[in-house]
Structure formats: structure tokens, C-alpha cells
């Protein structure tokens, strides 16, 4: 299988809101994880209109905080295609509301599986 099967593309872009913040005024890590999951799904849909479920997320290490009002971009690349699964690399960047500069936030690989209505893996390609 090829190492990379898709170009890097913007899959999700969100503005951080007060409900997403902790007591320090930065965004909860779990909020970013939820968006990583959504971005992975958006990328997986490029490989077929199926029910996709997340089965694994690799290590996520935060490099920079995300602040209230930042615009967060989630870039995705498909790195592996299986018969029933796809692995997606998600890169997260924050555009600072104060000056428009960009800061790397985190990155992760997420594996999603195409499943039928009963939750059983189904091939999405031959």
C-alpha cells in the first residue's frame, strides 16, 4: 500500500467558544480530541459514503495551548487504506485571535473502520 494516499486537506475549522474552556481560559483537551475525531471522519468519507467508526487514536501530545477566540484548523491526510479501515493523520493548528499568527497544537493518527448497520466491519474497496 502507498505511504500516503491523499493530499493534505483542510477538513474542519472551528472558532473556540467560552463553553470549550477550562478555568484557565484555554480549551479543554477533550474538545480538541472530539474535533480530531470529526476531522478523521470527514477524511474517511472521501473513501466512501459509509458508516465510519473510530477504533484507535494514537498518542496526542499538546505543544501549544488553544485560547478562547482562536480559530482552530484540522488538516487531514490519509496515510493507509485497508480493506475495511483507513488511517488518517490529523494536524491541528491554532490561528491566534490576538494577532493572526499560527501555532502548531497537536497531531494524531486515527483509525476508522467502515461498518454495516450491525456494527460489523465491511469492505469499502476491493
Protein backbone atom coordinates (compact mmCIF):
# COMPACT_ATOMS: atom_id res chain seq x y z
CA UNK A 1 0.00 0.00 0.00
CA UNK A 2 1.24 3.52 -0.69
CA UNK A 3 2.53 5.51 2.26
CA UNK A 4 0.23 8.43 1.50
CA UNK A 5 -2.97 8.10 -0.45
CA UNK A 6 -4.40 11.62 -0.28
CA UNK A 7 -3.25 15.22 -0.27
CA UNK A 8 -3.26 17.25 2.94
CA UNK A 9 -6.61 18.99 3.10
CA UNK A 10 -8.49 21.25 5.46
CA UNK A 11 -11.23 19.05 6.93
CA UNK A 12 -12.54 21.18 9.77
CA UNK A 13 -12.21 24.72 11.06
CA UNK A 14 -13.78 25.96 14.29
CA UNK A 15 -13.86 29.08 16.45
CA UNK A 16 -13.31 28.33 20.13
CA UNK A 17 -16.11 29.41 22.42
CA UNK A 18 -16.46 30.02 26.19
CA UNK A 19 -18.19 26.63 26.73
CA UNK A 20 -14.97 24.95 25.46
CA UNK A 21 -12.69 26.50 28.09
CA UNK A 22 -11.32 25.39 31.41
CA UNK A 23 -10.80 27.64 34.43
CA UNK A 24 -7.55 28.98 32.91
CA UNK A 25 -9.21 30.28 29.73
CA UNK A 26 -7.72 27.60 27.50
CA UNK A 27 -9.60 24.95 25.59
CA UNK A 28 -10.17 21.54 27.18
CA UNK A 29 -8.00 18.85 25.58
CA UNK A 30 -11.09 16.68 25.22
CA UNK A 31 -12.70 19.30 22.99
CA UNK A 32 -9.70 19.14 20.65
CA UNK A 33 -9.85 15.32 20.72
CA UNK A 34 -13.51 15.43 19.72
CA UNK A 35 -12.68 17.66 16.76
CA UNK A 36 -9.79 15.35 15.77
CA UNK A 37 -12.34 12.52 15.67
CA UNK A 38 -14.69 14.59 13.50
CA UNK A 39 -11.90 15.62 11.11
CA UNK A 40 -10.87 11.97 10.76
CA UNK A 41 -14.45 11.10 9.84
CA UNK A 42 -14.55 13.87 7.21
CA UNK A 43 -11.38 12.44 5.63
CA UNK A 44 -12.68 8.84 5.79
CA UNK A 45 -15.82 9.90 3.90
CA UNK A 46 -13.61 10.72 0.91
CA UNK A 47 -13.11 6.95 0.62
CA UNK A 48 -16.78 6.06 0.67
CA UNK A 49 -20.14 7.09 2.00
CA UNK A 50 -20.34 4.52 4.77
CA UNK A 51 -20.88 4.37 8.48
CA UNK A 52 -17.37 5.02 9.83
CA UNK A 53 -16.44 4.39 13.46
CA UNK A 54 -13.24 5.25 15.27
CA UNK A 55 -11.30 2.27 16.60
CA UNK A 56 -8.00 3.88 17.61
CA UNK A 57 -6.27 7.19 18.20
CA UNK A 58 -2.52 7.24 18.74
CA UNK A 59 -0.68 9.40 21.24
CA UNK A 60 -1.78 13.04 21.39
CA UNK A 61 0.68 15.47 22.91
CA UNK A 62 -0.25 19.13 23.13
CA UNK A 63 2.53 21.50 22.03
CA UNK A 64 0.71 24.81 22.46
CA UNK A 65 -2.49 25.81 24.26
CA UNK A 66 -5.59 26.90 22.37
CA UNK A 67 -7.15 30.10 23.69
CA UNK A 68 -10.69 31.37 23.73
CA UNK A 69 -11.37 33.02 20.37
CA UNK A 70 -8.66 31.19 18.43
CA UNK A 71 -9.65 29.64 15.10
CA UNK A 72 -8.53 26.03 15.07
CA UNK A 73 -7.83 24.23 11.78
CA UNK A 74 -7.71 20.45 11.38
CA UNK A 75 -5.76 19.22 8.35
CA UNK A 76 -6.03 15.59 7.31
CA UNK A 77 -4.11 13.14 5.15
CA UNK A 78 -4.98 9.51 4.53
CA UNK A 79 -1.85 7.52 5.34
CA UNK A 80 -3.14 3.95 5.00
CA UNK A 81 -6.00 2.23 3.24
CA UNK A 82 -7.02 -1.25 4.30
CA UNK A 83 -9.96 -3.30 3.12
CA UNK A 84 -12.30 -2.18 5.90
CA UNK A 85 -10.25 0.53 7.63
CA UNK A 86 -8.48 3.78 6.92
CA UNK A 87 -5.78 5.57 8.92
CA UNK A 88 -5.85 9.35 8.87
CA UNK A 89 -3.19 11.79 10.06
CA UNK A 90 -4.72 14.89 11.66
CA UNK A 91 -2.61 18.04 12.17
CA UNK A 92 -4.07 20.75 14.39
CA UNK A 93 -3.13 24.43 14.17
CA UNK A 94 -4.48 27.45 16.05
CA UNK A 95 -4.79 30.86 14.45
CA UNK A 96 -4.40 33.32 17.30
CA UNK A 97 -7.24 35.79 17.68
CA UNK A 98 -4.84 38.43 19.04
CA UNK A 99 -2.51 38.72 16.04
CA UNK A 100 -3.43 36.13 13.39
CA UNK A 101 -0.25 34.12 13.89
CA UNK A 102 -0.42 30.33 13.59
CA UNK A 103 0.72 27.89 16.28
CA UNK A 104 1.01 24.10 15.99
CA UNK A 105 -1.24 22.50 18.60
CA UNK A 106 -1.00 18.72 18.16
CA UNK A 107 -1.17 15.88 15.68
CA UNK A 108 -2.58 12.38 15.79
CA UNK A 109 -3.25 9.31 13.69
CA UNK A 110 -6.78 7.99 13.87
CA UNK A 111 -8.02 4.67 12.50
CA UNK A 112 -11.62 4.37 11.37
CA UNK A 113 -13.49 1.25 10.22
CA UNK A 114 -16.36 1.04 7.75
CA UNK A 115 -19.21 -0.90 9.39
CA UNK A 116 -22.66 -2.15 8.48
CA UNK A 117 -25.83 -1.39 10.43
CA UNK A 118 -24.99 -4.20 12.86
CA UNK A 119 -21.55 -2.76 13.58
CA UNK A 120 -19.63 -5.45 11.66
CA UNK A 121 -16.66 -4.31 9.51
CA UNK A 122 -17.47 -4.20 5.80
CA UNK A 123 -15.11 -3.72 2.86
CA UNK A 124 -15.26 -0.25 1.38
CA UNK A 125 -12.98 -1.12 -1.54
CA UNK A 126 -11.91 -4.22 -3.43
